[in-house]
Amino acid sequence: MVGLMLTTEAVRWPLQDLLSGHEELTLQQYNVLRILRGAGSKGLPTLEIGARMIERTPGVTRLIDRMEQKGLVVRERSRDDRRQVMCRITEFGGSLLRKLDRPVDALDDAVLGCLTDAEVAELIQLLDKVRRHNTRTD
């Protein structure tokens, strides 16, 4: 477990450093932008964003507040269910993500450059197995 935590930190900081140079973006904000880009023009409810995040955070609403102030996302109440708040990525947020795609891909290659493609595939498979084992609902 300590090895996983140390490795997480070793790959987390280079990414955080890269992101901080772009609108002082945090890892959590980057994660939200990626989630919303994947959701398309319909967007997602705030609670769904929280459920999809890599790092669970109890303050998703505050996180979205800060991102809205930066012009990265917009929110509006759902017409079908007024209790639900839908979030969408803005053009500015999408543009920022597109600017980051290549540098993040390059960082990904650099971080995992010590592994072969087969080793990367195996690592992902093993990490998925550990995650599934620890998220059982039985």
C-alpha atoms as a PDB file:
ATOM      1  CA  MET A   1       0.000   0.000   0.000  1.00  0.00           C
ATOM      2  CA  VAL A   2       2.844   2.383   0.812  1.00  0.00           C
ATOM      3  CA  GLY A   3       4.326   1.682  -2.620  1.00  0.00           C
ATOM      4  CA  LEU A   4       1.066   2.711  -4.296  1.00  0.00           C
ATOM      5  CA  MET A   5       0.886   5.891  -2.230  1.00  0.00           C
ATOM      6  CA  LEU A   6       4.502   6.826  -3.004  1.00  0.00           C
ATOM      7  CA  THR A   7       3.964   6.170  -6.706  1.00  0.00           C
ATOM      8  CA  THR A   8       0.796   8.267  -6.663  1.00  0.00           C
ATOM      9  CA  GLU A   9       2.750  11.196  -5.261  1.00  0.00           C
ATOM     10  CA  ALA A  10       5.587  10.691  -7.739  1.00  0.00           C
ATOM     11  CA  VAL A  11       3.239  11.018 -10.727  1.00  0.00           C
ATOM     12  CA  ARG A  12       0.839  13.515  -9.158  1.00  0.00           C
ATOM     13  CA  TRP A  13       3.278  16.395  -8.604  1.00  0.00           C
ATOM     14  CA  PRO A  14       4.577  16.700 -12.167  1.00  0.00           C
ATOM     15  CA  LEU A  15       0.971  16.851 -13.386  1.00  0.00           C
ATOM     16  CA  GLN A  16       0.020  19.402 -10.724  1.00  0.00           C
ATOM     17  CA  ASP A  17       3.021  21.535 -11.702  1.00  0.00           C
ATOM     18  CA  LEU A  18       1.994  21.374 -15.362  1.00  0.00           C
ATOM     19  CA  LEU A  19      -1.609  22.339 -14.583  1.00  0.00           C
ATOM     20  CA  SER A  20      -0.753  25.182 -12.217  1.00  0.00           C
ATOM     21  CA  GLY A  21       0.840  27.036 -15.114  1.00  0.00           C
ATOM     22  CA  HIS A  22      -2.559  27.123 -16.868  1.00  0.00           C
ATOM     23  CA  GLU A  23      -5.098  29.320 -15.073  1.00  0.00           C
ATOM     24  CA  GLU A  24      -3.768  27.954 -11.765  1.00  0.00           C
ATOM     25  CA  LEU A  25      -5.776  24.817 -12.512  1.00  0.00           C
ATOM     26  CA  THR A  26      -5.861  22.176  -9.756  1.00  0.00           C
ATOM     27  CA  LEU A  27      -5.968  18.435 -10.309  1.00  0.00           C
ATOM     28  CA  GLN A  28      -9.582  18.365  -9.141  1.00  0.00           C
ATOM     29  CA  GLN A  29     -10.576  21.166 -11.517  1.00  0.00           C
ATOM     30  CA  TYR A  30      -8.801  19.405 -14.380  1.00  0.00           C
ATOM     31  CA  ASN A  31     -10.654  16.213 -13.501  1.00  0.00           C
ATOM     32  CA  VAL A  32     -14.005  18.050 -13.575  1.00  0.00           C
ATOM     33  CA  LEU A  33     -13.193  19.594 -16.962  1.00  0.00           C
ATOM     34  CA  ARG A  34     -12.312  16.170 -18.384  1.00  0.00           C
ATOM     35  CA  ILE A  35     -15.530  14.693 -16.993  1.00  0.00           C
ATOM     36  CA  LEU A  36     -17.619  17.503 -18.458  1.00  0.00           C
ATOM     37  CA  ARG A  37     -15.887  17.360 -21.829  1.00  0.00           C
ATOM     38  CA  GLY A  38     -16.742  13.673 -21.967  1.00  0.00           C
ATOM     39  CA  ALA A  39     -20.355  14.404 -21.054  1.00  0.00           C
ATOM     40  CA  GLY A  40     -20.849  16.564 -24.124  1.00  0.00           C
ATOM     41  CA  SER A  41     -23.242  19.472 -24.550  1.00  0.00           C
ATOM     42  CA  LYS A  42     -25.886  18.057 -22.205  1.00  0.00           C
ATOM     43  CA  GLY A  43     -23.533  18.325 -19.235  1.00  0.00           C
ATOM     44  CA  LEU A  44     -23.948  16.464 -15.976  1.00  0.00           C
ATOM     45  CA  PRO A  45     -25.629  17.002 -12.619  1.00  0.00           C
ATOM     46  CA  THR A  46     -23.295  18.107  -9.832  1.00  0.00           C
ATOM     47  CA  LEU A  47     -23.760  14.850  -7.904  1.00  0.00           C
ATOM     48  CA  GLU A  48     -22.815  12.784 -10.950  1.00  0.00           C
ATOM     49  CA  ILE A  49     -19.619  14.808 -11.360  1.00  0.00           C
ATOM     50  CA  GLY A  50     -18.735  14.065  -7.741  1.00  0.00           C
ATOM     51  CA  ALA A  51     -19.339  10.353  -8.262  1.00  0.00           C
ATOM     52  CA  ARG A  52     -17.047  10.257 -11.312  1.00  0.00           C
ATOM     53  CA  MET A  53     -14.126  12.156  -9.802  1.00  0.00           C
ATOM     54  CA  ILE A  54     -10.784  10.444  -9.279  1.00  0.00           C
ATOM     55  CA  GLU A  55     -10.384  12.092  -5.890  1.00  0.00           C
ATOM     56  CA  ARG A  56     -13.563  12.114  -3.850  1.00  0.00           C
ATOM     57  CA  THR A  57     -14.328  15.515  -2.398  1.00  0.00           C
ATOM     58  CA  PRO A  58     -17.206  16.526  -0.162  1.00  0.00           C
ATOM     59  CA  GLY A  59     -17.072  20.080  -1.524  1.00  0.00           C
ATOM     60  CA  VAL A  60     -18.017  19.506  -5.172  1.00  0.00           C
ATOM     61  CA  THR A  61     -20.392  22.479  -5.097  1.00  0.00           C
ATOM     62  CA  ARG A  62     -17.643  24.801  -3.825  1.00  0.00           C
ATOM     63  CA  LEU A  63     -15.248  23.383  -6.420  1.00  0.00           C
ATOM     64  CA  ILE A  64     -17.778  24.108  -9.178  1.00  0.00           C
ATOM     65  CA  ASP A  65     -18.343  27.597  -7.694  1.00  0.00           C
ATOM     66  CA  ARG A  66     -14.646  28.389  -8.087  1.00  0.00           C
ATOM     67  CA  MET A  67     -14.590  26.971 -11.605  1.00  0.00           C
ATOM     68  CA  GLU A  68     -17.635  29.016 -12.576  1.00  0.00           C
ATOM     69  CA  GLN A  69     -15.921  32.166 -11.277  1.00  0.00           C
ATOM     70  CA  LYS A  70     -12.948  31.347 -13.543  1.00  0.00           C
ATOM     71  CA  GLY A  71     -15.301  30.947 -16.517  1.00  0.00           C
ATOM     72  CA  LEU A  72     -14.497  27.239 -16.930  1.00  0.00           C
ATOM     73  CA  VAL A  73     -18.013  25.884 -16.360  1.00  0.00           C
ATOM     74  CA  VAL A  74     -21.618  27.082 -16.307  1.00  0.00           C
ATOM     75  CA  ARG A  75     -24.510  25.801 -14.224  1.00  0.00           C
ATOM     76  CA  GLU A  76     -28.238  25.906 -14.625  1.00  0.00           C
ATOM     77  CA  ARG A  77     -31.207  24.242 -12.992  1.00  0.00           C
ATOM     78  CA  SER A  78     -32.632  21.318 -14.902  1.00  0.00           C
ATOM     79  CA  ARG A  79     -35.937  22.082 -16.605  1.00  0.00           C
ATOM     80  CA  ASP A  80     -37.152  18.553 -15.902  1.00  0.00           C
ATOM     81  CA  ASP A  81     -36.127  18.455 -12.234  1.00  0.00           C
ATOM     82  CA  ARG A  82     -35.649  21.840 -10.556  1.00  0.00           C
ATOM     83  CA  ARG A  83     -33.720  20.183  -7.707  1.00  0.00           C
ATOM     84  CA  GLN A  84     -30.991  19.141 -10.121  1.00  0.00           C
ATOM     85  CA  VAL A  85     -28.215  21.518 -11.173  1.00  0.00           C
ATOM     86  CA  MET A  86     -26.666  20.743 -14.554  1.00  0.00           C
ATOM     87  CA  CYS A  87     -23.029  21.690 -15.217  1.00  0.00           C
ATOM     88  CA  ARG A  88     -21.413  22.159 -18.612  1.00  0.00           C
ATOM     89  CA  ILE A  89     -17.933  23.044 -19.740  1.00  0.00           C
ATOM     90  CA  THR A  90     -17.620  26.495 -21.323  1.00  0.00           C
ATOM     91  CA  GLU A  91     -15.821  27.270 -24.566  1.00  0.00           C
ATOM     92  CA  PHE A  92     -13.009  28.727 -22.449  1.00  0.00           C
ATOM     93  CA  GLY A  93     -12.818  25.533 -20.370  1.00  0.00           C
ATOM     94  CA  GLY A  94     -12.806  23.395 -23.519  1.00  0.00           C
ATOM     95  CA  SER A  95     -10.119  25.553 -25.085  1.00  0.00           C
ATOM     96  CA  LEU A  96      -7.961  25.221 -21.971  1.00  0.00           C
ATOM     97  CA  LEU A  97      -8.328  21.437 -22.055  1.00  0.00           C
ATOM     98  CA  ARG A  98      -7.389  21.295 -25.725  1.00  0.00           C
ATOM     99  CA  LYS A  99      -4.250  23.329 -24.943  1.00  0.00           C
ATOM    100  CA  LEU A 100      -3.380  20.844 -22.209  1.00  0.00           C
ATOM    101  CA  ASP A 101      -4.003  17.652 -24.198  1.00  0.00           C
ATOM    102  CA  ARG A 102      -0.548  17.453 -25.820  1.00  0.00           C
ATOM    103  CA  PRO A 103       1.486  18.460 -22.755  1.00  0.00           C
ATOM    104  CA  VAL A 104      -0.459  16.007 -20.574  1.00  0.00           C
ATOM    105  CA  ASP A 105       0.030  13.228 -23.143  1.00  0.00           C
ATOM    106  CA  ALA A 106       3.765  14.018 -23.253  1.00  0.00           C
ATOM    107  CA  LEU A 107       3.931  13.951 -19.449  1.00  0.00           C
ATOM    108  CA  ASP A 108       2.071  10.643 -19.448  1.00  0.00           C
ATOM    109  CA  ASP A 109       4.648   9.229 -21.869  1.00  0.00           C
ATOM    110  CA  ALA A 110       7.531  10.580 -19.781  1.00  0.00           C
ATOM    111  CA  VAL A 111       6.155   9.263 -16.479  1.00  0.00           C
ATOM    112  CA  LEU A 112       5.482   5.794 -17.872  1.00  0.00           C
ATOM    113  CA  GLY A 113       8.463   5.823 -20.247  1.00  0.00           C
ATOM    114  CA  CYS A 114      10.341   3.317 -18.099  1.00  0.00           C
ATOM    115  CA  LEU A 115       7.685   0.669 -18.921  1.00  0.00           C
ATOM    116  CA  THR A 116       6.992  -1.179 -22.139  1.00  0.00           C
ATOM    117  CA  ASP A 117       3.510  -1.018 -23.668  1.00  0.00           C
ATOM    118  CA  ALA A 118       2.861  -4.543 -22.366  1.00  0.00           C
ATOM    119  CA  GLU A 119       3.952  -3.527 -18.858  1.00  0.00           C
ATOM    120  CA  VAL A 120       1.697  -0.463 -18.951  1.00  0.00           C
ATOM    121  CA  ALA A 121      -1.242  -2.667 -19.993  1.00  0.00           C
ATOM    122  CA  GLU A 122      -0.444  -5.127 -17.207  1.00  0.00           C
ATOM    123  CA  LEU A 123      -0.079  -2.335 -14.637  1.00  0.00           C
ATOM    124  CA  ILE A 124      -3.463  -0.883 -15.595  1.00  0.00           C
ATOM    125  CA  GLN A 125      -5.020  -4.329 -15.387  1.00  0.00           C
ATOM    126  CA  LEU A 126      -3.542  -4.936 -11.920  1.00  0.00           C
ATOM    127  CA  LEU A 127      -4.561  -1.510 -10.627  1.00  0.00           C
ATOM    128  CA  ASP A 128      -8.099  -2.066 -11.938  1.00  0.00           C
ATOM    129  CA  LYS A 129      -8.180  -5.408 -10.111  1.00  0.00           C
ATOM    130  CA  VAL A 130      -7.130  -3.782  -6.818  1.00  0.00           C
ATOM    131  CA  ARG A 131      -9.725  -1.030  -7.289  1.00  0.00           C
ATOM    132  CA  ARG A 132     -12.538  -3.500  -8.050  1.00  0.00           C
ATOM    133  CA  HIS A 133     -11.587  -5.559  -5.000  1.00  0.00           C
ATOM    134  CA  ASN A 134     -11.817  -2.504  -2.769  1.00  0.00           C
ATOM    135  CA  THR A 135     -15.074  -1.102  -4.130  1.00  0.00           C
ATOM    136  CA  ARG A 136     -17.214  -4.195  -3.687  1.00  0.00           C
ATOM    137  CA  THR A 137     -20.698  -3.581  -2.411  1.00  0.00           C
ATOM    138  CA  ASP A 138     -21.315  -7.063  -0.959  1.00  0.00           C
END
